[in-house]
Amino acid sequence: MTGVRLRHLTFTGPSVNPAELKFGNGLNIIFGASNTGKSFASKAILFMLGAIKSLPETEEITAYESAWLGLTLPGGRNVTLYRPTRGGHFKLTAP
């Protein structure tokens, strides 16, 4: 395998069920009606990769404290990036 593969984007919080977007092998297309989170999902991926400093402010995100991005690295190693939804430092963990 070459490149990095996204496995999942997950948000967790103390009083809500996790919100998870899973990615399969190959091309993944995010589609849906207006105001269903497509743009937020793409910005959340950029946030988790360090390309932007903060998540877009939405009413829904306030209940979530943590963001997790599961990745498969070249060579097949699975890792997960953790970052508080309010921004700040990353942690790299093995699943």
PDB file of N, CA and C in Angstrom:
ATOM      1  N   MET A   1       0.836  -1.182   0.000  1.00  0.00           N
ATOM      2  CA  MET A   1       0.000   0.000   0.000  1.00  0.00           C
ATOM      3  C   MET A   1       0.880   1.244   0.000  1.00  0.00           C
ATOM      4  N   THR A   2       0.488   2.228  -0.761  1.00  0.00           N
ATOM      5  CA  THR A   2       1.179   3.510  -0.729  1.00  0.00           C
ATOM      6  C   THR A   2       0.199   4.558  -0.229  1.00  0.00           C
ATOM      7  N   GLY A   3       0.713   5.548   0.444  1.00  0.00           N
ATOM      8  CA  GLY A   3      -0.146   6.605   0.973  1.00  0.00           C
ATOM      9  C   GLY A   3      -0.797   6.222   2.283  1.00  0.00           C
ATOM     10  N   VAL A   4      -1.577   7.150   2.780  1.00  0.00           N
ATOM     11  CA  VAL A   4      -2.289   6.977   4.042  1.00  0.00           C
ATOM     12  C   VAL A   4      -3.764   6.788   3.724  1.00  0.00           C
ATOM     13  N   ARG A   5      -4.409   5.842   4.401  1.00  0.00           N
ATOM     14  CA  ARG A   5      -5.837   5.586   4.193  1.00  0.00           C
ATOM     15  C   ARG A   5      -6.619   6.000   5.431  1.00  0.00           C
ATOM     16  N   LEU A   6      -7.698   6.729   5.228  1.00  0.00           N
ATOM     17  CA  LEU A   6      -8.597   7.070   6.332  1.00  0.00           C
ATOM     18  C   LEU A   6      -9.441   5.847   6.665  1.00  0.00           C
ATOM     19  N   ARG A   7      -9.596   5.556   7.966  1.00  0.00           N
ATOM     20  CA  ARG A   7     -10.450   4.447   8.403  1.00  0.00           C
ATOM     21  C   ARG A   7     -11.739   4.943   9.032  1.00  0.00           C
ATOM     22  N   HIS A   8     -11.630   5.977   9.878  1.00  0.00           N
ATOM     23  CA  HIS A   8     -12.830   6.517  10.512  1.00  0.00           C
ATOM     24  C   HIS A   8     -12.554   7.908  11.052  1.00  0.00           C
ATOM     25  N   LEU A   9     -13.614   8.674  11.196  1.00  0.00           N
ATOM     26  CA  LEU A   9     -13.613   9.965  11.875  1.00  0.00           C
ATOM     27  C   LEU A   9     -14.696   9.853  12.934  1.00  0.00           C
ATOM     28  N   THR A  10     -14.311  10.010  14.199  1.00  0.00           N
ATOM     29  CA  THR A  10     -15.241   9.788  15.301  1.00  0.00           C
ATOM     30  C   THR A  10     -15.185  10.950  16.274  1.00  0.00           C
ATOM     31  N   PHE A  11     -16.342  11.328  16.778  1.00  0.00           N
ATOM     32  CA  PHE A  11     -16.447  12.346  17.823  1.00  0.00           C
ATOM     33  C   PHE A  11     -17.073  11.708  19.046  1.00  0.00           C
ATOM     34  N   THR A  12     -16.495  12.000  20.237  1.00  0.00           N
ATOM     35  CA  THR A  12     -17.021  11.457  21.482  1.00  0.00           C
ATOM     36  C   THR A  12     -17.216  12.567  22.502  1.00  0.00           C
ATOM     37  N   GLY A  13     -18.139  12.321  23.410  1.00  0.00           N
ATOM     38  CA  GLY A  13     -18.411  13.257  24.494  1.00  0.00           C
ATOM     39  C   GLY A  13     -19.039  12.515  25.652  1.00  0.00           C
ATOM     40  N   PRO A  14     -19.033  13.110  26.843  1.00  0.00           N
ATOM     41  CA  PRO A  14     -19.490  12.403  28.034  1.00  0.00           C
ATOM     42  C   PRO A  14     -20.991  12.119  28.069  1.00  0.00           C
ATOM     43  N   SER A  15     -21.805  12.899  27.393  1.00  0.00           N
ATOM     44  CA  SER A  15     -23.258  12.733  27.517  1.00  0.00           C
ATOM     45  C   SER A  15     -23.945  12.439  26.183  1.00  0.00           C
ATOM     46  N   VAL A  16     -23.164  12.038  25.189  1.00  0.00           N
ATOM     47  CA  VAL A  16     -23.727  11.735  23.865  1.00  0.00           C
ATOM     48  C   VAL A  16     -23.138  10.433  23.334  1.00  0.00           C
ATOM     49  N   ASN A  17     -23.875   9.790  22.461  1.00  0.00           N
ATOM     50  CA  ASN A  17     -23.337   8.618  21.778  1.00  0.00           C
ATOM     51  C   ASN A  17     -22.274   9.074  20.785  1.00  0.00           C
ATOM     52  N   PRO A  18     -21.266   8.246  20.538  1.00  0.00           N
ATOM     53  CA  PRO A  18     -20.252   8.621  19.547  1.00  0.00           C
ATOM     54  C   PRO A  18     -20.887   8.852  18.174  1.00  0.00           C
ATOM     55  N   ALA A  19     -20.344   9.805  17.454  1.00  0.00           N
ATOM     56  CA  ALA A  19     -20.735  10.049  16.063  1.00  0.00           C
ATOM     57  C   ALA A  19     -19.569   9.584  15.202  1.00  0.00           C
ATOM     58  N   GLU A  20     -19.828   8.650  14.290  1.00  0.00           N
ATOM     59  CA  GLU A  20     -18.730   8.046  13.537  1.00  0.00           C
ATOM     60  C   GLU A  20     -19.030   8.035  12.043  1.00  0.00           C
ATOM     61  N   LEU A  21     -18.021   8.374  11.287  1.00  0.00           N
ATOM     62  CA  LEU A  21     -18.051   8.281   9.833  1.00  0.00           C
ATOM     63  C   LEU A  21     -16.973   7.274   9.456  1.00  0.00           C
ATOM     64  N   LYS A  22     -17.375   6.141   8.889  1.00  0.00           N
ATOM     65  CA  LYS A  22     -16.424   5.094   8.514  1.00  0.00           C
ATOM     66  C   LYS A  22     -16.078   5.215   7.035  1.00  0.00           C
ATOM     67  N   PHE A  23     -14.821   4.930   6.722  1.00  0.00           N
ATOM     68  CA  PHE A  23     -14.334   4.971   5.351  1.00  0.00           C
ATOM     69  C   PHE A  23     -13.943   3.565   4.918  1.00  0.00           C
ATOM     70  N   GLY A  24     -14.323   3.187   3.718  1.00  0.00           N
ATOM     71  CA  GLY A  24     -13.944   1.895   3.169  1.00  0.00           C
ATOM     72  C   GLY A  24     -12.694   2.013   2.319  1.00  0.00           C
ATOM     73  N   ASN A  25     -12.241   0.888   1.794  1.00  0.00           N
ATOM     74  CA  ASN A  25     -11.106   0.893   0.869  1.00  0.00           C
ATOM     75  C   ASN A  25     -11.523   1.577  -0.425  1.00  0.00           C
ATOM     76  N   GLY A  26     -10.590   2.218  -1.073  1.00  0.00           N
ATOM     77  CA  GLY A  26     -10.872   2.862  -2.342  1.00  0.00           C
ATOM     78  C   GLY A  26     -11.534   4.215  -2.176  1.00  0.00           C
ATOM     79  N   LEU A  27     -12.247   4.629  -3.206  1.00  0.00           N
ATOM     80  CA  LEU A  27     -12.887   5.935  -3.234  1.00  0.00           C
ATOM     81  C   LEU A  27     -14.098   5.965  -2.307  1.00  0.00           C
ATOM     82  N   ASN A  28     -14.192   6.996  -1.488  1.00  0.00           N
ATOM     83  CA  ASN A  28     -15.347   7.213  -0.621  1.00  0.00           C
ATOM     84  C   ASN A  28     -15.981   8.536  -1.016  1.00  0.00           C
ATOM     85  N   ILE A  29     -17.293   8.539  -1.163  1.00  0.00           N
ATOM     86  CA  ILE A  29     -18.029   9.744  -1.533  1.00  0.00           C
ATOM     87  C   ILE A  29     -18.988  10.081  -0.407  1.00  0.00           C
ATOM     88  N   ILE A  30     -18.903  11.308   0.069  1.00  0.00           N
ATOM     89  CA  ILE A  30     -19.822  11.784   1.099  1.00  0.00           C
ATOM     90  C   ILE A  30     -20.884  12.612   0.387  1.00  0.00           C
ATOM     91  N   PHE A  31     -22.141  12.190   0.496  1.00  0.00           N
ATOM     92  CA  PHE A  31     -23.209  12.922  -0.180  1.00  0.00           C
ATOM     93  C   PHE A  31     -24.435  12.973   0.721  1.00  0.00           C
ATOM     94  N   GLY A  32     -25.305  13.904   0.454  1.00  0.00           N
ATOM     95  CA  GLY A  32     -26.537  14.033   1.216  1.00  0.00           C
ATOM     96  C   GLY A  32     -27.176  15.381   0.973  1.00  0.00           C
ATOM     97  N   ALA A  33     -28.289  15.584   1.637  1.00  0.00           N
ATOM     98  CA  ALA A  33     -29.039  16.833   1.510  1.00  0.00           C
ATOM     99  C   ALA A  33     -28.267  17.985   2.149  1.00  0.00           C
ATOM    100  N   SER A  34     -28.745  19.190   1.914  1.00  0.00           N
ATOM    101  CA  SER A  34     -28.135  20.383   2.518  1.00  0.00           C
ATOM    102  C   SER A  34     -28.212  20.303   4.040  1.00  0.00           C
ATOM    103  N   ASN A  35     -27.200  20.869   4.697  1.00  0.00           N
ATOM    104  CA  ASN A  35     -27.139  20.938   6.164  1.00  0.00           C
ATOM    105  C   ASN A  35     -27.149  19.576   6.843  1.00  0.00           C
ATOM    106  N   THR A  36     -26.451  18.602   6.257  1.00  0.00           N
ATOM    107  CA  THR A  36     -26.355  17.289   6.892  1.00  0.00           C
ATOM    108  C   THR A  36     -24.936  16.940   7.319  1.00  0.00           C
ATOM    109  N   GLY A  37     -23.972  17.868   7.146  1.00  0.00           N
ATOM    110  CA  GLY A  37     -22.642  17.653   7.681  1.00  0.00           C
ATOM    111  C   GLY A  37     -21.540  17.332   6.694  1.00  0.00           C
ATOM    112  N   LYS A  38     -21.800  17.421   5.412  1.00  0.00           N
ATOM    113  CA  LYS A  38     -20.760  17.090   4.424  1.00  0.00           C
ATOM    114  C   LYS A  38     -19.567  18.031   4.519  1.00  0.00           C
ATOM    115  N   SER A  39     -19.814  19.314   4.527  1.00  0.00           N
ATOM    116  CA  SER A  39     -18.719  20.293   4.632  1.00  0.00           C
ATOM    117  C   SER A  39     -18.037  20.195   5.984  1.00  0.00           C
ATOM    118  N   PHE A  40     -18.817  19.973   7.038  1.00  0.00           N
ATOM    119  CA  PHE A  40     -18.232  19.825   8.363  1.00  0.00           C
ATOM    120  C   PHE A  40     -17.284  18.629   8.387  1.00  0.00           C
ATOM    121  N   ALA A  41     -17.684  17.516   7.785  1.00  0.00           N
ATOM    122  CA  ALA A  41     -16.834  16.320   7.770  1.00  0.00           C
ATOM    123  C   ALA A  41     -15.507  16.600   7.076  1.00  0.00           C
ATOM    124  N   SER A  42     -15.540  17.285   5.946  1.00  0.00           N
ATOM    125  CA  SER A  42     -14.283  17.569   5.248  1.00  0.00           C
ATOM    126  C   SER A  42     -13.412  18.523   6.063  1.00  0.00           C
ATOM    127  N   LYS A  43     -14.017  19.506   6.713  1.00  0.00           N
ATOM    128  CA  LYS A  43     -13.239  20.420   7.556  1.00  0.00           C
ATOM    129  C   LYS A  43     -12.718  19.712   8.801  1.00  0.00           C
ATOM    130  N   ALA A  44     -13.473  18.755   9.318  1.00  0.00           N
ATOM    131  CA  ALA A  44     -13.008  17.995  10.481  1.00  0.00           C
ATOM    132  C   ALA A  44     -11.779  17.157  10.127  1.00  0.00           C
ATOM    133  N   ILE A  45     -11.740  16.600   8.930  1.00  0.00           N
ATOM    134  CA  ILE A  45     -10.555  15.853   8.493  1.00  0.00           C
ATOM    135  C   ILE A  45      -9.361  16.795   8.401  1.00  0.00           C
ATOM    136  N   LEU A  46      -9.554  17.968   7.819  1.00  0.00           N
ATOM    137  CA  LEU A  46      -8.469  18.954   7.757  1.00  0.00           C
ATOM    138  C   LEU A  46      -8.007  19.350   9.157  1.00  0.00           C
ATOM    139  N   PHE A  47      -8.942  19.537  10.080  1.00  0.00           N
ATOM    140  CA  PHE A  47      -8.627  19.860  11.473  1.00  0.00           C
ATOM    141  C   PHE A  47      -7.772  18.756  12.095  1.00  0.00           C
ATOM    142  N   MET A  48      -8.156  17.515  11.875  1.00  0.00           N
ATOM    143  CA  MET A  48      -7.422  16.395  12.466  1.00  0.00           C
ATOM    144  C   MET A  48      -6.040  16.217  11.846  1.00  0.00           C
ATOM    145  N   LEU A  49      -5.861  16.665  10.624  1.00  0.00           N
ATOM    146  CA  LEU A  49      -4.548  16.572   9.974  1.00  0.00           C
ATOM    147  C   LEU A  49      -3.698  17.819  10.201  1.00  0.00           C
ATOM    148  N   GLY A  50      -4.235  18.789  10.943  1.00  0.00           N
ATOM    149  CA  GLY A  50      -3.473  19.983  11.292  1.00  0.00           C
ATOM    150  C   GLY A  50      -3.513  21.090  10.262  1.00  0.00           C
ATOM    151  N   ALA A  51      -4.352  20.968   9.239  1.00  0.00           N
ATOM    152  CA  ALA A  51      -4.406  21.984   8.187  1.00  0.00           C
ATOM    153  C   ALA A  51      -5.194  23.223   8.606  1.00  0.00           C
ATOM    154  N   ILE A  52      -6.120  23.066   9.553  1.00  0.00           N
ATOM    155  CA  ILE A  52      -6.849  24.214  10.101  1.00  0.00           C
ATOM    156  C   ILE A  52      -6.810  24.123  11.622  1.00  0.00           C
ATOM    157  N   LYS A  53      -6.901  25.274  12.285  1.00  0.00           N
ATOM    158  CA  LYS A  53      -6.707  25.327  13.740  1.00  0.00           C
ATOM    159  C   LYS A  53      -7.954  25.037  14.552  1.00  0.00           C
ATOM    160  N   SER A  54      -9.134  25.189  13.950  1.00  0.00           N
ATOM    161  CA  SER A  54     -10.352  24.963  14.728  1.00  0.00           C
ATOM    162  C   SER A  54     -11.443  24.378  13.848  1.00  0.00           C
ATOM    163  N   LEU A  55     -12.369  23.697  14.516  1.00  0.00           N
ATOM    164  CA  LEU A  55     -13.535  23.162  13.830  1.00  0.00           C
ATOM    165  C   LEU A  55     -14.559  24.269  13.623  1.00  0.00           C
ATOM    166  N   PRO A  56     -15.391  24.145  12.604  1.00  0.00           N
ATOM    167  CA  PRO A  56     -16.478  25.111  12.455  1.00  0.00           C
ATOM    168  C   PRO A  56     -17.399  25.044  13.677  1.00  0.00           C
ATOM    169  N   GLU A  57     -17.870  26.187  14.124  1.00  0.00           N
ATOM    170  CA  GLU A  57     -18.795  26.224  15.259  1.00  0.00           C
ATOM    171  C   GLU A  57     -20.183  25.803  14.791  1.00  0.00           C
ATOM    172  N   THR A  58     -20.680  24.729  15.379  1.00  0.00           N
ATOM    173  CA  THR A  58     -22.045  24.283  15.120  1.00  0.00           C
ATOM    174  C   THR A  58     -22.686  23.957  16.453  1.00  0.00           C
ATOM    175  N   GLU A  59     -23.998  23.981  16.485  1.00  0.00           N
ATOM    176  CA  GLU A  59     -24.710  23.642  17.716  1.00  0.00           C
ATOM    177  C   GLU A  59     -24.430  22.202  18.125  1.00  0.00           C
ATOM    178  N   GLU A  60     -24.308  21.307  17.147  1.00  0.00           N
ATOM    179  CA  GLU A  60     -24.129  19.887  17.430  1.00  0.00           C
ATOM    180  C   GLU A  60     -22.766  19.572  18.037  1.00  0.00           C
ATOM    181  N   ILE A  61     -21.729  20.269  17.637  1.00  0.00           N
ATOM    182  CA  ILE A  61     -20.372  19.916  18.078  1.00  0.00           C
ATOM    183  C   ILE A  61     -20.142  20.238  19.548  1.00  0.00           C
ATOM    184  N   THR A  62     -20.940  21.109  20.138  1.00  0.00           N
ATOM    185  CA  THR A  62     -20.697  21.520  21.521  1.00  0.00           C
ATOM    186  C   THR A  62     -20.794  20.358  22.509  1.00  0.00           C
ATOM    187  N   ALA A  63     -21.527  19.303  22.189  1.00  0.00           N
ATOM    188  CA  ALA A  63     -21.665  18.154  23.088  1.00  0.00           C
ATOM    189  C   ALA A  63     -20.469  17.210  23.021  1.00  0.00           C
ATOM    190  N   TYR A  64     -19.630  17.366  22.018  1.00  0.00           N
ATOM    191  CA  TYR A  64     -18.499  16.460  21.819  1.00  0.00           C
ATOM    192  C   TYR A  64     -17.209  17.116  22.284  1.00  0.00           C
ATOM    193  N   GLU A  65     -16.401  16.344  23.007  1.00  0.00           N
ATOM    194  CA  GLU A  65     -15.137  16.860  23.545  1.00  0.00           C
ATOM    195  C   GLU A  65     -13.910  16.377  22.788  1.00  0.00           C
ATOM    196  N   SER A  66     -14.029  15.239  22.114  1.00  0.00           N
ATOM    197  CA  SER A  66     -12.855  14.607  21.510  1.00  0.00           C
ATOM    198  C   SER A  66     -13.127  14.208  20.072  1.00  0.00           C
ATOM    199  N   ALA A  67     -12.097  14.332  19.253  1.00  0.00           N
ATOM    200  CA  ALA A  67     -12.156  13.885  17.863  1.00  0.00           C
ATOM    201  C   ALA A  67     -11.068  12.836  17.658  1.00  0.00           C
ATOM    202  N   TRP A  68     -11.385  11.817  16.891  1.00  0.00           N
ATOM    203  CA  TRP A  68     -10.479  10.704  16.627  1.00  0.00           C
ATOM    204  C   TRP A  68     -10.462  10.445  15.126  1.00  0.00           C
ATOM    205  N   LEU A  69      -9.275  10.316  14.549  1.00  0.00           N
ATOM    206  CA  LEU A  69      -9.143  10.000  13.130  1.00  0.00           C
ATOM    207  C   LEU A  69      -8.296   8.744  13.001  1.00  0.00           C
ATOM    208  N   GLY A  70      -8.924   7.665  12.561  1.00  0.00           N
ATOM    209  CA  GLY A  70      -8.218   6.407  12.357  1.00  0.00           C
ATOM    210  C   GLY A  70      -7.559   6.385  10.993  1.00  0.00           C
ATOM    211  N   LEU A  71      -6.296   6.001  10.973  1.00  0.00           N
ATOM    212  CA  LEU A  71      -5.506   5.980   9.741  1.00  0.00           C
ATOM    213  C   LEU A  71      -4.814   4.635   9.580  1.00  0.00           C
ATOM    214  N   THR A  72      -4.614   4.222   8.339  1.00  0.00           N
ATOM    215  CA  THR A  72      -3.718   3.118   8.024  1.00  0.00           C
ATOM    216  C   THR A  72      -2.530   3.721   7.293  1.00  0.00           C
ATOM    217  N   LEU A  73      -1.356   3.538   7.871  1.00  0.00           N
ATOM    218  CA  LEU A  73      -0.129   4.108   7.315  1.00  0.00           C
ATOM    219  C   LEU A  73       0.455   3.195   6.244  1.00  0.00           C
ATOM    220  N   PRO A  74       1.347   3.732   5.388  1.00  0.00           N
ATOM    221  CA  PRO A  74       2.038   2.859   4.442  1.00  0.00           C
ATOM    222  C   PRO A  74       2.697   1.712   5.209  1.00  0.00           C
ATOM    223  N   GLY A  75       2.586   0.525   4.702  1.00  0.00           N
ATOM    224  CA  GLY A  75       3.103  -0.638   5.406  1.00  0.00           C
ATOM    225  C   GLY A  75       2.028  -1.350   6.207  1.00  0.00           C
ATOM    226  N   GLY A  76       0.840  -0.731   6.328  1.00  0.00           N
ATOM    227  CA  GLY A  76      -0.284  -1.399   6.970  1.00  0.00           C
ATOM    228  C   GLY A  76      -0.502  -1.127   8.441  1.00  0.00           C
ATOM    229  N   ARG A  77       0.317  -0.311   9.068  1.00  0.00           N
ATOM    230  CA  ARG A  77       0.163  -0.034  10.502  1.00  0.00           C
ATOM    231  C   ARG A  77      -1.040   0.881  10.738  1.00  0.00           C
ATOM    232  N   ASN A  78      -1.922   0.479  11.655  1.00  0.00           N
ATOM    233  CA  ASN A  78      -3.077   1.286  12.027  1.00  0.00           C
ATOM    234  C   ASN A  78      -2.743   2.165  13.220  1.00  0.00           C
ATOM    235  N   VAL A  79      -3.088   3.432  13.124  1.00  0.00           N
ATOM    236  CA  VAL A  79      -2.916   4.383  14.223  1.00  0.00           C
ATOM    237  C   VAL A  79      -4.172   5.244  14.296  1.00  0.00           C
ATOM    238  N   THR A  80      -4.329   5.925  15.421  1.00  0.00           N
ATOM    239  CA  THR A  80      -5.448   6.843  15.595  1.00  0.00           C
ATOM    240  C   THR A  80      -4.917   8.160  16.127  1.00  0.00           C
ATOM    241  N   LEU A  81      -5.320   9.253  15.489  1.00  0.00           N
ATOM    242  CA  LEU A  81      -5.012  10.594  15.979  1.00  0.00           C
ATOM    243  C   LEU A  81      -6.142  11.045  16.891  1.00  0.00           C
ATOM    244  N   TYR A  82      -5.785  11.602  18.034  1.00  0.00           N
ATOM    245  CA  TYR A  82      -6.761  12.171  18.970  1.00  0.00           C
ATOM    246  C   TYR A  82      -6.502  13.667  19.067  1.00  0.00           C
ATOM    247  N   ARG A  83      -7.565  14.447  19.152  1.00  0.00           N
ATOM    248  CA  ARG A  83      -7.430  15.886  19.364  1.00  0.00           C
ATOM    249  C   ARG A  83      -8.702  16.403  20.036  1.00  0.00           C
ATOM    250  N   PRO A  84      -8.571  17.256  21.045  1.00  0.00           N
ATOM    251  CA  PRO A  84      -9.775  17.861  21.625  1.00  0.00           C
ATOM    252  C   PRO A  84     -10.511  18.681  20.564  1.00  0.00           C
ATOM    253  N   THR A  85     -11.833  18.676  20.618  1.00  0.00           N
ATOM    254  CA  THR A  85     -12.602  19.414  19.617  1.00  0.00           C
ATOM    255  C   THR A  85     -12.399  20.919  19.735  1.00  0.00           C
ATOM    256  N   ARG A  86     -11.930  21.392  20.873  1.00  0.00           N
ATOM    257  CA  ARG A  86     -11.666  22.823  21.051  1.00  0.00           C
ATOM    258  C   ARG A  86     -10.295  23.222  20.506  1.00  0.00           C
ATOM    259  N   GLY A  87      -9.579  22.257  19.937  1.00  0.00           N
ATOM    260  CA  GLY A  87      -8.240  22.520  19.415  1.00  0.00           C
ATOM    261  C   GLY A  87      -7.189  22.117  20.428  1.00  0.00           C
ATOM    262  N   GLY A  88      -5.957  22.280  20.064  1.00  0.00           N
ATOM    263  CA  GLY A  88      -4.875  21.922  20.962  1.00  0.00           C
ATOM    264  C   GLY A  88      -4.013  20.826  20.382  1.00  0.00           C
ATOM    265  N   HIS A  89      -3.288  20.170  21.279  1.00  0.00           N
ATOM    266  CA  HIS A  89      -2.291  19.186  20.877  1.00  0.00           C
ATOM    267  C   HIS A  89      -2.920  17.879  20.416  1.00  0.00           C
ATOM    268  N   PHE A  90      -2.187  17.184  19.565  1.00  0.00           N
ATOM    269  CA  PHE A  90      -2.562  15.872  19.061  1.00  0.00           C
ATOM    270  C   PHE A  90      -1.955  14.798  19.946  1.00  0.00           C
ATOM    271  N   LYS A  91      -2.582  13.632  19.936  1.00  0.00           N
ATOM    272  CA  LYS A  91      -1.978  12.424  20.481  1.00  0.00           C
ATOM    273  C   LYS A  91      -2.078  11.368  19.394  1.00  0.00           C
ATOM    274  N   LEU A  92      -1.039  10.572  19.272  1.00  0.00           N
ATOM    275  CA  LEU A  92      -1.033   9.460  18.328  1.00  0.00           C
ATOM    276  C   LEU A  92      -1.113   8.186  19.142  1.00  0.00           C
ATOM    277  N   THR A  93      -2.108   7.358  18.868  1.00  0.00           N
ATOM    278  CA  THR A  93      -2.278   6.115  19.609  1.00  0.00           C
ATOM    279  C   THR A  93      -2.382   4.960  18.630  1.00  0.00           C
ATOM    280  N   ALA A  94      -2.092   3.771  19.121  1.00  0.00           N
ATOM    281  CA  ALA A  94      -2.349   2.560  18.347  1.00  0.00           C
ATOM    282  C   ALA A  94      -3.744   2.086  18.751  1.00  0.00           C
ATOM    283  N   PRO A  95      -4.513   1.560  17.802  1.00  0.00           N
ATOM    284  CA  PRO A  95      -5.896   1.170  18.132  1.00  0.00           C
ATOM    285  C   PRO A  95      -5.965   0.045  19.142  1.00  0.00           C
TER     286      PRO A  95
END
